[in-house]
């Protein structure tokens, strides 16, 4: 935890961004009934019956110092999805950065090996060597 607190205390420099990463699995629902016809002077009303319509994973990348955030929605939360998120982080969102510090939790897919599952070794090594430093705060 000390390394995370130290990272938060560092002075801002655009070549060394600090990015917080988290994800959330969300259930997708679809309404199954038509809206209730409103009486005069009433708002349109809905019955709360719904049907499950799958799930989606939401990755959130936040740079609190710059006030930036990026969201990526995927069908699942797998090691491959995580690896492509890191590739986007280093190639699209921070292509000029010398080193990106990523603060994230200890989810089993949040490891360097995820890059090797998704990419050829040379590409995985390029992403790791160029930019990514991962810090894992203790989860409570």
N, C-alpha and C. Protein backbone atom coordinates (compact mmCIF):
# COMPACT_ATOMS: atom_id res chain seq x y z
N UNK A 1 0.82 -1.19 0.00
CA UNK A 1 0.00 0.00 0.00
C UNK A 1 0.87 1.26 0.00
N UNK A 2 2.05 1.16 0.61
CA UNK A 2 2.94 2.32 0.65
C UNK A 2 3.33 2.77 -0.75
N UNK A 3 3.55 1.82 -1.67
CA UNK A 3 3.93 2.20 -3.03
C UNK A 3 2.80 2.95 -3.73
N UNK A 4 1.57 2.61 -3.45
CA UNK A 4 0.43 3.32 -4.03
C UNK A 4 0.37 4.74 -3.48
N UNK A 5 0.53 4.89 -2.17
CA UNK A 5 0.50 6.22 -1.57
C UNK A 5 1.65 7.09 -2.08
N UNK A 6 2.82 6.49 -2.27
CA UNK A 6 3.94 7.23 -2.84
C UNK A 6 3.64 7.69 -4.26
N UNK A 7 3.02 6.81 -5.05
CA UNK A 7 2.68 7.18 -6.42
C UNK A 7 1.72 8.37 -6.44
N UNK A 8 0.78 8.39 -5.52
CA UNK A 8 -0.18 9.50 -5.45
C UNK A 8 0.48 10.81 -5.03
N UNK A 9 1.62 10.74 -4.37
CA UNK A 9 2.31 11.94 -3.90
C UNK A 9 3.28 12.52 -4.93
N UNK A 10 3.55 11.78 -5.99
CA UNK A 10 4.51 12.26 -7.00
C UNK A 10 3.98 13.51 -7.70
N UNK A 11 4.92 14.36 -8.07
CA UNK A 11 4.55 15.57 -8.82
C UNK A 11 4.11 15.16 -10.22
N UNK A 12 3.19 15.92 -10.76
CA UNK A 12 2.67 15.63 -12.10
C UNK A 12 3.73 15.89 -13.16
N UNK A 13 3.83 14.95 -14.10
CA UNK A 13 4.66 15.13 -15.28
C UNK A 13 3.97 14.38 -16.42
N UNK A 14 3.72 15.03 -17.56
CA UNK A 14 2.97 14.38 -18.65
C UNK A 14 3.64 13.14 -19.23
N UNK A 15 4.95 13.01 -19.06
CA UNK A 15 5.64 11.82 -19.55
C UNK A 15 5.46 10.60 -18.64
N UNK A 16 4.92 10.83 -17.44
CA UNK A 16 4.78 9.76 -16.44
C UNK A 16 3.38 9.78 -15.83
N UNK A 17 2.34 9.50 -16.63
CA UNK A 17 0.98 9.57 -16.10
C UNK A 17 0.67 8.48 -15.09
N UNK A 18 -0.23 8.80 -14.20
CA UNK A 18 -0.75 7.86 -13.20
C UNK A 18 -2.18 7.54 -13.59
N UNK A 19 -2.47 6.27 -13.82
CA UNK A 19 -3.80 5.84 -14.26
C UNK A 19 -4.35 4.82 -13.27
N UNK A 20 -5.55 5.08 -12.78
CA UNK A 20 -6.25 4.14 -11.91
C UNK A 20 -7.16 3.29 -12.80
N UNK A 21 -7.16 1.99 -12.57
CA UNK A 21 -7.91 1.06 -13.41
C UNK A 21 -8.83 0.22 -12.54
N UNK A 22 -10.07 0.11 -12.95
CA UNK A 22 -11.02 -0.77 -12.28
C UNK A 22 -12.02 -1.27 -13.30
N UNK A 23 -12.76 -2.29 -12.92
CA UNK A 23 -13.77 -2.83 -13.82
C UNK A 23 -14.98 -3.26 -13.01
N UNK A 24 -16.10 -3.39 -13.73
CA UNK A 24 -17.34 -3.79 -13.08
C UNK A 24 -18.16 -4.60 -14.07
N UNK A 25 -18.68 -5.72 -13.62
CA UNK A 25 -19.55 -6.55 -14.43
C UNK A 25 -20.98 -6.09 -14.20
N UNK A 26 -21.71 -5.79 -15.26
CA UNK A 26 -23.08 -5.29 -15.15
C UNK A 26 -24.04 -6.21 -15.87
N UNK A 27 -25.19 -6.43 -15.25
CA UNK A 27 -26.26 -7.19 -15.88
C UNK A 27 -27.02 -6.26 -16.83
N UNK A 28 -27.30 -6.75 -18.01
CA UNK A 28 -28.08 -5.98 -18.98
C UNK A 28 -29.52 -6.46 -18.92
N UNK A 29 -30.45 -5.54 -18.88
CA UNK A 29 -31.86 -5.90 -18.80
C UNK A 29 -32.64 -5.21 -19.92
N UNK A 30 -33.76 -5.81 -20.26
CA UNK A 30 -34.63 -5.22 -21.27
C UNK A 30 -36.04 -5.19 -20.70
N UNK A 31 -36.74 -4.13 -20.97
CA UNK A 31 -38.11 -4.00 -20.48
C UNK A 31 -39.00 -4.97 -21.22
N UNK A 32 -39.98 -5.54 -20.51
CA UNK A 32 -40.86 -6.53 -21.13
C UNK A 32 -42.29 -6.01 -21.28
N UNK A 33 -42.59 -4.85 -20.75
CA UNK A 33 -43.94 -4.31 -20.84
C UNK A 33 -43.92 -2.91 -21.43
N UNK A 34 -45.02 -2.56 -22.06
CA UNK A 34 -45.17 -1.22 -22.61
C UNK A 34 -45.40 -0.23 -21.48
N UNK A 35 -45.04 1.04 -21.69
CA UNK A 35 -45.31 2.05 -20.65
C UNK A 35 -46.80 2.12 -20.32
N UNK A 36 -47.09 2.47 -19.08
CA UNK A 36 -48.48 2.63 -18.63
C UNK A 36 -48.98 3.98 -19.16
N UNK A 37 -50.12 3.95 -19.79
CA UNK A 37 -50.67 5.17 -20.35
C UNK A 37 -50.94 6.17 -19.23
N UNK A 38 -50.41 7.38 -19.36
CA UNK A 38 -50.59 8.35 -18.27
C UNK A 38 -51.97 9.01 -18.30
N UNK A 39 -52.44 9.35 -17.14
CA UNK A 39 -53.64 10.17 -17.01
C UNK A 39 -53.23 11.60 -17.34
N UNK A 40 -54.21 12.46 -17.63
CA UNK A 40 -53.84 13.86 -17.84
C UNK A 40 -53.09 14.41 -16.63
N UNK A 41 -52.08 15.19 -16.88
CA UNK A 41 -51.19 15.81 -15.89
C UNK A 41 -50.27 14.82 -15.17
N UNK A 42 -50.16 13.58 -15.66
CA UNK A 42 -49.24 12.61 -15.08
C UNK A 42 -48.09 12.35 -16.05
N UNK A 43 -46.97 11.92 -15.51
CA UNK A 43 -45.83 11.53 -16.34
C UNK A 43 -46.03 10.11 -16.83
N UNK A 44 -45.32 9.76 -17.88
CA UNK A 44 -45.34 8.39 -18.36
C UNK A 44 -44.76 7.49 -17.27
N UNK A 45 -45.38 6.33 -17.05
CA UNK A 45 -44.93 5.42 -16.00
C UNK A 45 -44.57 4.06 -16.60
N UNK A 46 -43.70 3.35 -15.90
CA UNK A 46 -43.26 2.04 -16.36
C UNK A 46 -43.44 1.02 -15.25
N UNK A 47 -43.77 -0.19 -15.64
CA UNK A 47 -43.77 -1.31 -14.71
C UNK A 47 -42.33 -1.81 -14.63
N UNK A 48 -41.90 -2.27 -13.49
CA UNK A 48 -40.50 -2.64 -13.30
C UNK A 48 -40.18 -4.09 -13.66
N UNK A 49 -41.02 -4.73 -14.42
CA UNK A 49 -40.73 -6.08 -14.86
C UNK A 49 -39.74 -6.02 -16.01
N UNK A 50 -38.71 -6.83 -15.94
CA UNK A 50 -37.69 -6.83 -16.99
C UNK A 50 -37.21 -8.25 -17.25
N UNK A 51 -36.48 -8.40 -18.32
CA UNK A 51 -35.91 -9.67 -18.71
C UNK A 51 -34.39 -9.53 -18.77
N UNK A 52 -33.70 -10.53 -18.25
CA UNK A 52 -32.24 -10.50 -18.31
C UNK A 52 -31.81 -10.59 -19.77
N UNK A 53 -30.84 -9.75 -20.13
CA UNK A 53 -30.42 -9.67 -21.51
C UNK A 53 -28.90 -9.76 -21.63
N UNK A 54 -28.28 -10.59 -20.78
CA UNK A 54 -26.84 -10.79 -20.83
C UNK A 54 -26.10 -9.91 -19.83
N UNK A 55 -24.79 -9.87 -19.98
CA UNK A 55 -23.94 -9.06 -19.11
C UNK A 55 -22.91 -8.33 -19.97
N UNK A 56 -22.30 -7.34 -19.38
CA UNK A 56 -21.21 -6.60 -20.02
C UNK A 56 -20.21 -6.20 -18.95
N UNK A 57 -18.97 -6.11 -19.34
CA UNK A 57 -17.92 -5.65 -18.45
C UNK A 57 -17.55 -4.22 -18.80
N UNK A 58 -17.37 -3.40 -17.79
CA UNK A 58 -16.99 -2.00 -18.01
C UNK A 58 -15.62 -1.78 -17.38
N UNK A 59 -14.63 -1.45 -18.21
CA UNK A 59 -13.32 -1.05 -17.72
C UNK A 59 -13.30 0.47 -17.61
N UNK A 60 -12.82 0.99 -16.49
CA UNK A 60 -12.69 2.44 -16.31
C UNK A 60 -11.23 2.75 -16.03
N UNK A 61 -10.66 3.62 -16.86
CA UNK A 61 -9.31 4.12 -16.65
C UNK A 61 -9.42 5.60 -16.31
N UNK A 62 -8.86 5.98 -15.19
CA UNK A 62 -8.99 7.35 -14.73
C UNK A 62 -7.62 7.92 -14.40
N UNK A 63 -7.33 9.09 -14.95
CA UNK A 63 -6.12 9.82 -14.60
C UNK A 63 -6.58 11.01 -13.77
N UNK A 64 -6.59 10.89 -12.43
CA UNK A 64 -7.17 11.94 -11.60
C UNK A 64 -6.42 13.27 -11.66
N UNK A 65 -5.13 13.23 -11.93
CA UNK A 65 -4.35 14.46 -11.96
C UNK A 65 -4.70 15.28 -13.20
N UNK A 66 -4.84 14.62 -14.34
CA UNK A 66 -5.18 15.31 -15.58
C UNK A 66 -6.69 15.50 -15.76
N UNK A 67 -7.48 14.83 -14.91
CA UNK A 67 -8.92 14.91 -15.07
C UNK A 67 -9.42 14.15 -16.29
N UNK A 68 -8.71 13.09 -16.68
CA UNK A 68 -9.09 12.29 -17.85
C UNK A 68 -9.65 10.96 -17.40
N UNK A 69 -10.58 10.45 -18.19
CA UNK A 69 -11.05 9.09 -17.97
C UNK A 69 -11.46 8.49 -19.30
N UNK A 70 -11.24 7.20 -19.41
CA UNK A 70 -11.63 6.45 -20.58
C UNK A 70 -12.42 5.24 -20.11
N UNK A 71 -13.41 4.87 -20.88
CA UNK A 71 -14.22 3.70 -20.57
C UNK A 71 -14.18 2.76 -21.76
N UNK A 72 -14.04 1.48 -21.47
CA UNK A 72 -14.08 0.47 -22.52
C UNK A 72 -15.04 -0.63 -22.07
N UNK A 73 -15.99 -0.95 -22.92
CA UNK A 73 -16.98 -1.98 -22.61
C UNK A 73 -16.63 -3.23 -23.40
N UNK A 74 -16.61 -4.36 -22.70
CA UNK A 74 -16.33 -5.65 -23.33
C UNK A 74 -17.43 -6.64 -22.94
N UNK A 75 -17.54 -7.70 -23.70
CA UNK A 75 -18.56 -8.72 -23.39
C UNK A 75 -18.22 -9.48 -22.11
N UNK A 76 -16.93 -9.68 -21.86
CA UNK A 76 -16.49 -10.46 -20.71
C UNK A 76 -15.36 -9.73 -19.99
N UNK A 77 -14.93 -10.32 -18.90
CA UNK A 77 -13.77 -9.80 -18.17
C UNK A 77 -12.74 -10.93 -18.11
N UNK A 78 -11.98 -11.07 -19.17
CA UNK A 78 -11.00 -12.14 -19.27
C UNK A 78 -9.59 -11.55 -19.32
N UNK A 79 -8.62 -12.43 -19.23
CA UNK A 79 -7.23 -12.00 -19.34
C UNK A 79 -6.97 -11.37 -20.71
N UNK A 80 -7.60 -11.87 -21.74
CA UNK A 80 -7.43 -11.34 -23.10
C UNK A 80 -8.00 -9.92 -23.18
N UNK A 81 -9.19 -9.71 -22.61
CA UNK A 81 -9.79 -8.38 -22.59
C UNK A 81 -8.89 -7.38 -21.86
N UNK A 82 -8.35 -7.82 -20.73
CA UNK A 82 -7.44 -6.98 -19.95
C UNK A 82 -6.18 -6.64 -20.75
N UNK A 83 -5.64 -7.62 -21.46
CA UNK A 83 -4.43 -7.39 -22.26
C UNK A 83 -4.69 -6.35 -23.35
N UNK A 84 -5.81 -6.45 -24.02
CA UNK A 84 -6.14 -5.46 -25.06
C UNK A 84 -6.39 -4.08 -24.46
N UNK A 85 -6.92 -4.04 -23.25
CA UNK A 85 -7.08 -2.75 -22.57
C UNK A 85 -5.71 -2.10 -22.32
N UNK A 86 -4.74 -2.89 -21.84
CA UNK A 86 -3.40 -2.34 -21.63
C UNK A 86 -2.77 -1.89 -22.94
N UNK A 87 -2.99 -2.64 -24.00
CA UNK A 87 -2.46 -2.23 -25.31
C UNK A 87 -3.06 -0.89 -25.72
N UNK A 88 -4.37 -0.73 -25.54
CA UNK A 88 -5.02 0.56 -25.83
C UNK A 88 -4.45 1.67 -24.96
N UNK A 89 -4.22 1.36 -23.71
CA UNK A 89 -3.69 2.36 -22.77
C UNK A 89 -2.33 2.88 -23.25
N UNK A 90 -1.45 1.97 -23.66
CA UNK A 90 -0.11 2.41 -24.04
C UNK A 90 -0.01 2.90 -25.48
N UNK A 91 -0.84 2.39 -26.38
CA UNK A 91 -0.73 2.77 -27.79
C UNK A 91 -1.68 3.88 -28.22
N UNK A 92 -2.85 3.96 -27.60
CA UNK A 92 -3.85 4.94 -28.01
C UNK A 92 -3.95 6.12 -27.03
N UNK A 93 -4.12 5.81 -25.75
CA UNK A 93 -4.38 6.86 -24.77
C UNK A 93 -3.13 7.61 -24.32
N UNK A 94 -1.98 6.93 -24.24
CA UNK A 94 -0.73 7.56 -23.79
C UNK A 94 0.43 7.15 -24.68
N UNK A 95 0.35 7.39 -25.99
CA UNK A 95 1.43 6.92 -26.88
C UNK A 95 2.76 7.62 -26.67
N UNK A 96 2.76 8.83 -26.14
CA UNK A 96 4.00 9.58 -25.95
C UNK A 96 4.59 9.41 -24.55
N UNK A 97 3.87 8.78 -23.65
CA UNK A 97 4.35 8.63 -22.28
C UNK A 97 5.58 7.73 -22.22
N UNK A 98 6.50 8.07 -21.35
CA UNK A 98 7.69 7.24 -21.16
C UNK A 98 7.40 6.06 -20.24
N UNK A 99 6.55 6.31 -19.25
CA UNK A 99 6.21 5.27 -18.27
C UNK A 99 4.82 5.57 -17.72
N UNK A 100 3.95 4.57 -17.72
CA UNK A 100 2.61 4.72 -17.19
C UNK A 100 2.53 3.92 -15.90
N UNK A 101 2.13 4.56 -14.82
CA UNK A 101 1.91 3.86 -13.57
C UNK A 101 0.43 3.52 -13.49
N UNK A 102 0.12 2.23 -13.38
CA UNK A 102 -1.25 1.76 -13.33
C UNK A 102 -1.53 1.26 -11.93
N UNK A 103 -2.53 1.85 -11.29
CA UNK A 103 -2.95 1.42 -9.95
C UNK A 103 -4.24 0.62 -10.14
N UNK A 104 -4.22 -0.63 -9.66
CA UNK A 104 -5.37 -1.52 -9.86
C UNK A 104 -5.46 -2.51 -8.72
N UNK A 105 -6.55 -3.26 -8.71
CA UNK A 105 -6.73 -4.27 -7.67
C UNK A 105 -6.02 -5.57 -8.05
N UNK A 106 -6.21 -6.59 -7.24
CA UNK A 106 -5.47 -7.84 -7.44
C UNK A 106 -6.31 -8.92 -8.11
N UNK A 107 -7.11 -8.56 -9.06
CA UNK A 107 -7.91 -9.54 -9.78
C UNK A 107 -6.99 -10.52 -10.51
N UNK A 108 -7.41 -11.76 -10.62
CA UNK A 108 -6.53 -12.79 -11.19
C UNK A 108 -6.11 -12.50 -12.63
N UNK A 109 -6.90 -11.75 -13.38
CA UNK A 109 -6.50 -11.44 -14.76
C UNK A 109 -5.52 -10.28 -14.84
N UNK A 110 -5.31 -9.55 -13.76
CA UNK A 110 -4.43 -8.38 -13.76
C UNK A 110 -2.98 -8.80 -13.54
N UNK A 111 -2.41 -9.42 -14.53
CA UNK A 111 -1.02 -9.86 -14.41
C UNK A 111 -0.33 -9.73 -15.76
N UNK A 112 0.99 -9.72 -15.73
CA UNK A 112 1.77 -9.63 -16.95
C UNK A 112 1.49 -10.81 -17.87
N UNK A 113 1.18 -11.96 -17.29
CA UNK A 113 0.94 -13.16 -18.11
C UNK A 113 -0.25 -12.98 -19.03
N UNK A 114 -1.19 -12.09 -18.69
CA UNK A 114 -2.33 -11.83 -19.57
C UNK A 114 -1.88 -11.33 -20.93
N UNK A 115 -0.83 -10.53 -20.96
CA UNK A 115 -0.31 -10.03 -22.23
C UNK A 115 0.22 -11.17 -23.09
N UNK A 116 0.85 -12.15 -22.46
CA UNK A 116 1.40 -13.28 -23.21
C UNK A 116 0.30 -14.23 -23.68
N UNK A 117 -0.85 -14.21 -23.03
CA UNK A 117 -1.99 -15.01 -23.50
C UNK A 117 -2.62 -14.39 -24.75
N UNK A 118 -2.55 -13.07 -24.85
CA UNK A 118 -3.22 -12.36 -25.93
C UNK A 118 -2.33 -12.10 -27.14
N UNK A 119 -1.02 -11.91 -26.91
CA UNK A 119 -0.13 -11.47 -27.98
C UNK A 119 1.07 -12.39 -28.11
N UNK A 120 1.74 -12.25 -29.23
CA UNK A 120 3.01 -12.92 -29.42
C UNK A 120 4.00 -12.36 -28.39
N UNK A 121 5.02 -13.14 -28.00
CA UNK A 121 5.94 -12.67 -26.97
C UNK A 121 6.59 -11.32 -27.26
N UNK A 122 6.93 -11.05 -28.51
CA UNK A 122 7.57 -9.76 -28.84
C UNK A 122 6.63 -8.59 -28.56
N UNK A 123 5.36 -8.74 -28.90
CA UNK A 123 4.39 -7.67 -28.66
C UNK A 123 4.11 -7.51 -27.16
N UNK A 124 3.97 -8.61 -26.45
CA UNK A 124 3.76 -8.55 -25.01
C UNK A 124 4.94 -7.85 -24.33
N UNK A 125 6.15 -8.19 -24.72
CA UNK A 125 7.35 -7.60 -24.15
C UNK A 125 7.42 -6.11 -24.48
N UNK A 126 7.03 -5.72 -25.72
CA UNK A 126 7.02 -4.30 -26.12
C UNK A 126 6.11 -3.49 -25.20
N UNK A 127 4.93 -4.00 -24.93
CA UNK A 127 3.99 -3.29 -24.06
C UNK A 127 4.56 -3.20 -22.65
N UNK A 128 5.09 -4.29 -22.15
CA UNK A 128 5.64 -4.30 -20.79
C UNK A 128 6.85 -3.39 -20.66
N UNK A 129 7.77 -3.47 -21.59
CA UNK A 129 9.02 -2.70 -21.49
C UNK A 129 8.82 -1.21 -21.74
N UNK A 130 7.90 -0.88 -22.60
CA UNK A 130 7.73 0.54 -22.93
C UNK A 130 7.04 1.32 -21.83
N UNK A 131 6.00 0.73 -21.23
CA UNK A 131 5.16 1.63 -20.47
C UNK A 131 4.61 1.14 -19.14
N UNK A 132 4.28 -0.09 -18.99
CA UNK A 132 3.40 -0.48 -17.89
C UNK A 132 4.14 -0.80 -16.60
N UNK A 133 3.79 -0.11 -15.55
CA UNK A 133 4.20 -0.44 -14.19
C UNK A 133 2.90 -0.66 -13.42
N UNK A 134 2.78 -1.79 -12.76
CA UNK A 134 1.53 -2.12 -12.10
C UNK A 134 1.69 -2.12 -10.59
N UNK A 135 0.81 -1.43 -9.91
CA UNK A 135 0.79 -1.41 -8.45
C UNK A 135 -0.52 -2.03 -7.99
N UNK A 136 -0.44 -2.83 -6.97
CA UNK A 136 -1.63 -3.52 -6.48
C UNK A 136 -1.93 -3.10 -5.05
N UNK A 137 -2.88 -2.23 -4.82
CA UNK A 137 -3.22 -1.95 -3.43
C UNK A 137 -3.91 -3.15 -2.82
N UNK A 138 -3.73 -3.30 -1.54
CA UNK A 138 -4.39 -4.38 -0.82
C UNK A 138 -5.89 -4.17 -0.87
N UNK A 139 -6.63 -5.22 -1.21
CA UNK A 139 -8.09 -5.11 -1.24
C UNK A 139 -8.63 -5.42 0.15
N UNK A 140 -9.66 -4.74 0.54
CA UNK A 140 -10.22 -4.90 1.89
C UNK A 140 -11.47 -5.69 1.84
